[in-house]
Amino acid sequence: MRLTDDRTGAALLVRSYGPGEVRVGDQVLRRSFLISAERLIEDWRPQTVDELTEADLEAVFALQPEIVVLGTGERQRFPEPRLLAALLARGIGCEVMDTGAACRTYNVLVSEARRAVAALLLK
């Protein structure tokens, strides 16, 4: 019995991840980035959750997600509450997890045709 729909069309998905790097398609990324089903924004400014600012969220907002999966490096670290509040104020859900879990969660959400954005910090 088929439990999931494995058709993702031309959606951008994370193929693999490891310490300090993520592979999207044939591209290996070693700096923080944003990814949605349609767009990859390389070299997103913040490199750690401590560097994340409200100004950095503007690039996230431009992708018009319904949910953001924030990957915070090798371990889960929550950003300042005001940053989560900025997302929630726009009706955008946010899940915070380590980057590996964020990659897996993003792929599942995209395979379900959800308007998800993964904001992946690699340090």
C-alpha atoms as a PDB file:
ATOM      1  CA  MET A   1       0.000   0.000   0.000  1.00  0.00           C
ATOM      2  CA  ARG A   2       1.336   3.347  -0.996  1.00  0.00           C
ATOM      3  CA  LEU A   3       1.315   5.750   1.939  1.00  0.00           C
ATOM      4  CA  THR A   4       3.059   8.750   0.437  1.00  0.00           C
ATOM      5  CA  ASP A   5       2.991  10.496  -2.896  1.00  0.00           C
ATOM      6  CA  ASP A   6       6.513  10.353  -4.291  1.00  0.00           C
ATOM      7  CA  ARG A   7       5.782  12.729  -7.190  1.00  0.00           C
ATOM      8  CA  THR A   8       7.483  16.051  -6.543  1.00  0.00           C
ATOM      9  CA  GLY A   9       7.763  17.247 -10.137  1.00  0.00           C
ATOM     10  CA  ALA A  10      10.529  19.774 -10.561  1.00  0.00           C
ATOM     11  CA  ALA A  11      10.576  20.748  -6.874  1.00  0.00           C
ATOM     12  CA  LEU A  12      13.928  21.514  -5.289  1.00  0.00           C
ATOM     13  CA  LEU A  13      14.722  18.919  -2.638  1.00  0.00           C
ATOM     14  CA  VAL A  14      17.619  18.235  -0.296  1.00  0.00           C
ATOM     15  CA  ARG A  15      19.466  15.169  -1.584  1.00  0.00           C
ATOM     16  CA  SER A  16      21.845  14.755   1.348  1.00  0.00           C
ATOM     17  CA  TYR A  17      23.406  16.544   4.288  1.00  0.00           C
ATOM     18  CA  GLY A  18      26.408  16.150   6.529  1.00  0.00           C
ATOM     19  CA  PRO A  19      28.487  18.231   8.921  1.00  0.00           C
ATOM     20  CA  GLY A  20      28.793  21.703   7.404  1.00  0.00           C
ATOM     21  CA  GLU A  21      27.227  20.916   4.026  1.00  0.00           C
ATOM     22  CA  VAL A  22      23.958  20.195   2.255  1.00  0.00           C
ATOM     23  CA  ARG A  23      23.443  18.882  -1.288  1.00  0.00           C
ATOM     24  CA  VAL A  24      20.575  20.296  -3.354  1.00  0.00           C
ATOM     25  CA  GLY A  25      20.473  18.626  -6.743  1.00  0.00           C
ATOM     26  CA  ASP A  26      24.105  18.387  -7.837  1.00  0.00           C
ATOM     27  CA  GLN A  27      25.115  21.479  -5.881  1.00  0.00           C
ATOM     28  CA  VAL A  28      26.950  21.263  -2.531  1.00  0.00           C
ATOM     29  CA  LEU A  29      26.219  24.227  -0.262  1.00  0.00           C
ATOM     30  CA  ARG A  30      28.551  25.102   2.617  1.00  0.00           C
ATOM     31  CA  ARG A  31      26.966  28.389   3.713  1.00  0.00           C
ATOM     32  CA  SER A  32      23.520  29.158   5.054  1.00  0.00           C
ATOM     33  CA  PHE A  33      20.746  29.243   2.453  1.00  0.00           C
ATOM     34  CA  LEU A  34      17.001  29.335   1.858  1.00  0.00           C
ATOM     35  CA  ILE A  35      15.163  26.763  -0.202  1.00  0.00           C
ATOM     36  CA  SER A  36      11.587  26.458  -1.400  1.00  0.00           C
ATOM     37  CA  ALA A  37      10.134  24.070  -3.958  1.00  0.00           C
ATOM     38  CA  GLU A  38      10.773  26.665  -6.688  1.00  0.00           C
ATOM     39  CA  ARG A  39      13.780  28.648  -5.502  1.00  0.00           C
ATOM     40  CA  LEU A  40      17.225  28.301  -3.975  1.00  0.00           C
ATOM     41  CA  ILE A  41      18.727  31.397  -2.395  1.00  0.00           C
ATOM     42  CA  GLU A  42      22.389  30.685  -1.786  1.00  0.00           C
ATOM     43  CA  ASP A  43      24.599  32.459   0.690  1.00  0.00           C
ATOM     44  CA  TRP A  44      21.889  33.710   3.069  1.00  0.00           C
ATOM     45  CA  ARG A  45      23.615  36.200   5.396  1.00  0.00           C
ATOM     46  CA  PRO A  46      23.286  34.715   8.897  1.00  0.00           C
ATOM     47  CA  GLN A  47      25.649  31.822   9.559  1.00  0.00           C
ATOM     48  CA  THR A  48      24.467  31.034  13.102  1.00  0.00           C
ATOM     49  CA  VAL A  49      21.169  31.413  14.927  1.00  0.00           C
ATOM     50  CA  ASP A  50      22.775  34.163  17.049  1.00  0.00           C
ATOM     51  CA  GLU A  51      23.386  36.242  13.878  1.00  0.00           C
ATOM     52  CA  LEU A  52      19.759  35.968  12.690  1.00  0.00           C
ATOM     53  CA  THR A  53      17.949  39.335  12.566  1.00  0.00           C
ATOM     54  CA  GLU A  54      14.531  40.583  11.495  1.00  0.00           C
ATOM     55  CA  ALA A  55      16.139  41.998   8.341  1.00  0.00           C
ATOM     56  CA  ASP A  56      17.256  38.460   7.406  1.00  0.00           C
ATOM     57  CA  LEU A  57      13.625  37.333   7.548  1.00  0.00           C
ATOM     58  CA  GLU A  58      12.690  39.640   4.652  1.00  0.00           C
ATOM     59  CA  ALA A  59      14.161  37.117   2.204  1.00  0.00           C
ATOM     60  CA  VAL A  60      12.035  34.426   3.868  1.00  0.00           C
ATOM     61  CA  PHE A  61       8.874  36.562   3.642  1.00  0.00           C
ATOM     62  CA  ALA A  62       9.514  37.175  -0.082  1.00  0.00           C
ATOM     63  CA  LEU A  63       9.128  33.423  -0.699  1.00  0.00           C
ATOM     64  CA  GLN A  64       5.589  33.552   0.768  1.00  0.00           C
ATOM     65  CA  PRO A  65       5.723  30.366   2.842  1.00  0.00           C
ATOM     66  CA  GLU A  66       2.941  28.929   4.943  1.00  0.00           C
ATOM     67  CA  ILE A  67       5.582  27.288   7.134  1.00  0.00           C
ATOM     68  CA  VAL A  68       9.289  27.837   7.750  1.00  0.00           C
ATOM     69  CA  VAL A  69      11.563  25.053   8.882  1.00  0.00           C
ATOM     70  CA  LEU A  70      14.551  26.655  10.598  1.00  0.00           C
ATOM     71  CA  GLY A  71      17.615  24.416  10.783  1.00  0.00           C
ATOM     72  CA  THR A  72      20.026  25.704  13.418  1.00  0.00           C
ATOM     73  CA  GLY A  73      23.172  23.672  12.781  1.00  0.00           C
ATOM     74  CA  GLU A  74      24.243  20.478  14.510  1.00  0.00           C
ATOM     75  CA  ARG A  75      21.855  21.018  17.407  1.00  0.00           C
ATOM     76  CA  GLN A  76      18.518  22.675  17.950  1.00  0.00           C
ATOM     77  CA  ARG A  77      18.853  26.277  19.153  1.00  0.00           C
ATOM     78  CA  PHE A  78      15.936  28.678  19.325  1.00  0.00           C
ATOM     79  CA  PRO A  79      16.225  32.199  17.913  1.00  0.00           C
ATOM     80  CA  GLU A  80      15.144  35.236  19.890  1.00  0.00           C
ATOM     81  CA  PRO A  81      11.383  35.155  20.593  1.00  0.00           C
ATOM     82  CA  ARG A  82      10.850  38.422  18.679  1.00  0.00           C
ATOM     83  CA  LEU A  83      12.028  36.681  15.481  1.00  0.00           C
ATOM     84  CA  LEU A  84       9.521  33.873  15.887  1.00  0.00           C
ATOM     85  CA  ALA A  85       6.865  36.489  16.678  1.00  0.00           C
ATOM     86  CA  ALA A  86       7.665  38.283  13.392  1.00  0.00           C
ATOM     87  CA  LEU A  87       6.881  35.077  11.498  1.00  0.00           C
ATOM     88  CA  LEU A  88       3.739  34.322  13.480  1.00  0.00           C
ATOM     89  CA  ALA A  89       2.470  37.888  13.038  1.00  0.00           C
ATOM     90  CA  ARG A  90       2.388  37.223   9.279  1.00  0.00           C
ATOM     91  CA  GLY A  91       0.523  33.951   9.728  1.00  0.00           C
ATOM     92  CA  ILE A  92       3.625  31.863   8.975  1.00  0.00           C
ATOM     93  CA  GLY A  93       4.228  28.777  11.079  1.00  0.00           C
ATOM     94  CA  CYS A  94       7.760  28.001  12.200  1.00  0.00           C
ATOM     95  CA  GLU A  95       9.432  24.817  13.357  1.00  0.00           C
ATOM     96  CA  VAL A  96      12.948  24.984  14.817  1.00  0.00           C
ATOM     97  CA  MET A  97      15.202  21.925  14.718  1.00  0.00           C
ATOM     98  CA  ASP A  98      18.744  20.829  13.973  1.00  0.00           C
ATOM     99  CA  THR A  99      19.671  21.170  10.300  1.00  0.00           C
ATOM    100  CA  GLY A 100      19.526  17.443   9.522  1.00  0.00           C
ATOM    101  CA  ALA A 101      15.981  17.181  10.868  1.00  0.00           C
ATOM    102  CA  ALA A 102      15.068  20.390   9.037  1.00  0.00           C
ATOM    103  CA  CYS A 103      16.259  18.906   5.720  1.00  0.00           C
ATOM    104  CA  ARG A 104      14.148  15.783   6.217  1.00  0.00           C
ATOM    105  CA  THR A 105      11.094  17.762   7.346  1.00  0.00           C
ATOM    106  CA  TYR A 106      11.365  20.201   4.450  1.00  0.00           C
ATOM    107  CA  ASN A 107      11.439  17.335   1.925  1.00  0.00           C
ATOM    108  CA  VAL A 108       8.322  15.771   3.460  1.00  0.00           C
ATOM    109  CA  LEU A 109       6.441  19.085   3.452  1.00  0.00           C
ATOM    110  CA  VAL A 110       7.330  19.766  -0.184  1.00  0.00           C
ATOM    111  CA  SER A 111       6.298  16.233  -1.175  1.00  0.00           C
ATOM    112  CA  GLU A 112       2.906  17.037   0.406  1.00  0.00           C
ATOM    113  CA  ALA A 113       2.688  20.172  -1.806  1.00  0.00           C
ATOM    114  CA  ARG A 114       2.966  22.491   1.205  1.00  0.00           C
ATOM    115  CA  ARG A 115       4.364  26.012   0.708  1.00  0.00           C
ATOM    116  CA  ALA A 116       7.414  25.349   2.854  1.00  0.00           C
ATOM    117  CA  VAL A 117      10.706  27.187   3.113  1.00  0.00           C
ATOM    118  CA  ALA A 118      13.748  25.727   4.798  1.00  0.00           C
ATOM    119  CA  ALA A 119      16.055  28.337   6.298  1.00  0.00           C
ATOM    120  CA  LEU A 120      19.196  26.302   6.859  1.00  0.00           C
ATOM    121  CA  LEU A 121      22.074  27.483   9.022  1.00  0.00           C
ATOM    122  CA  LEU A 122      25.063  25.195   8.698  1.00  0.00           C
ATOM    123  CA  LYS A 123      27.097  26.313  11.724  1.00  0.00           C
END
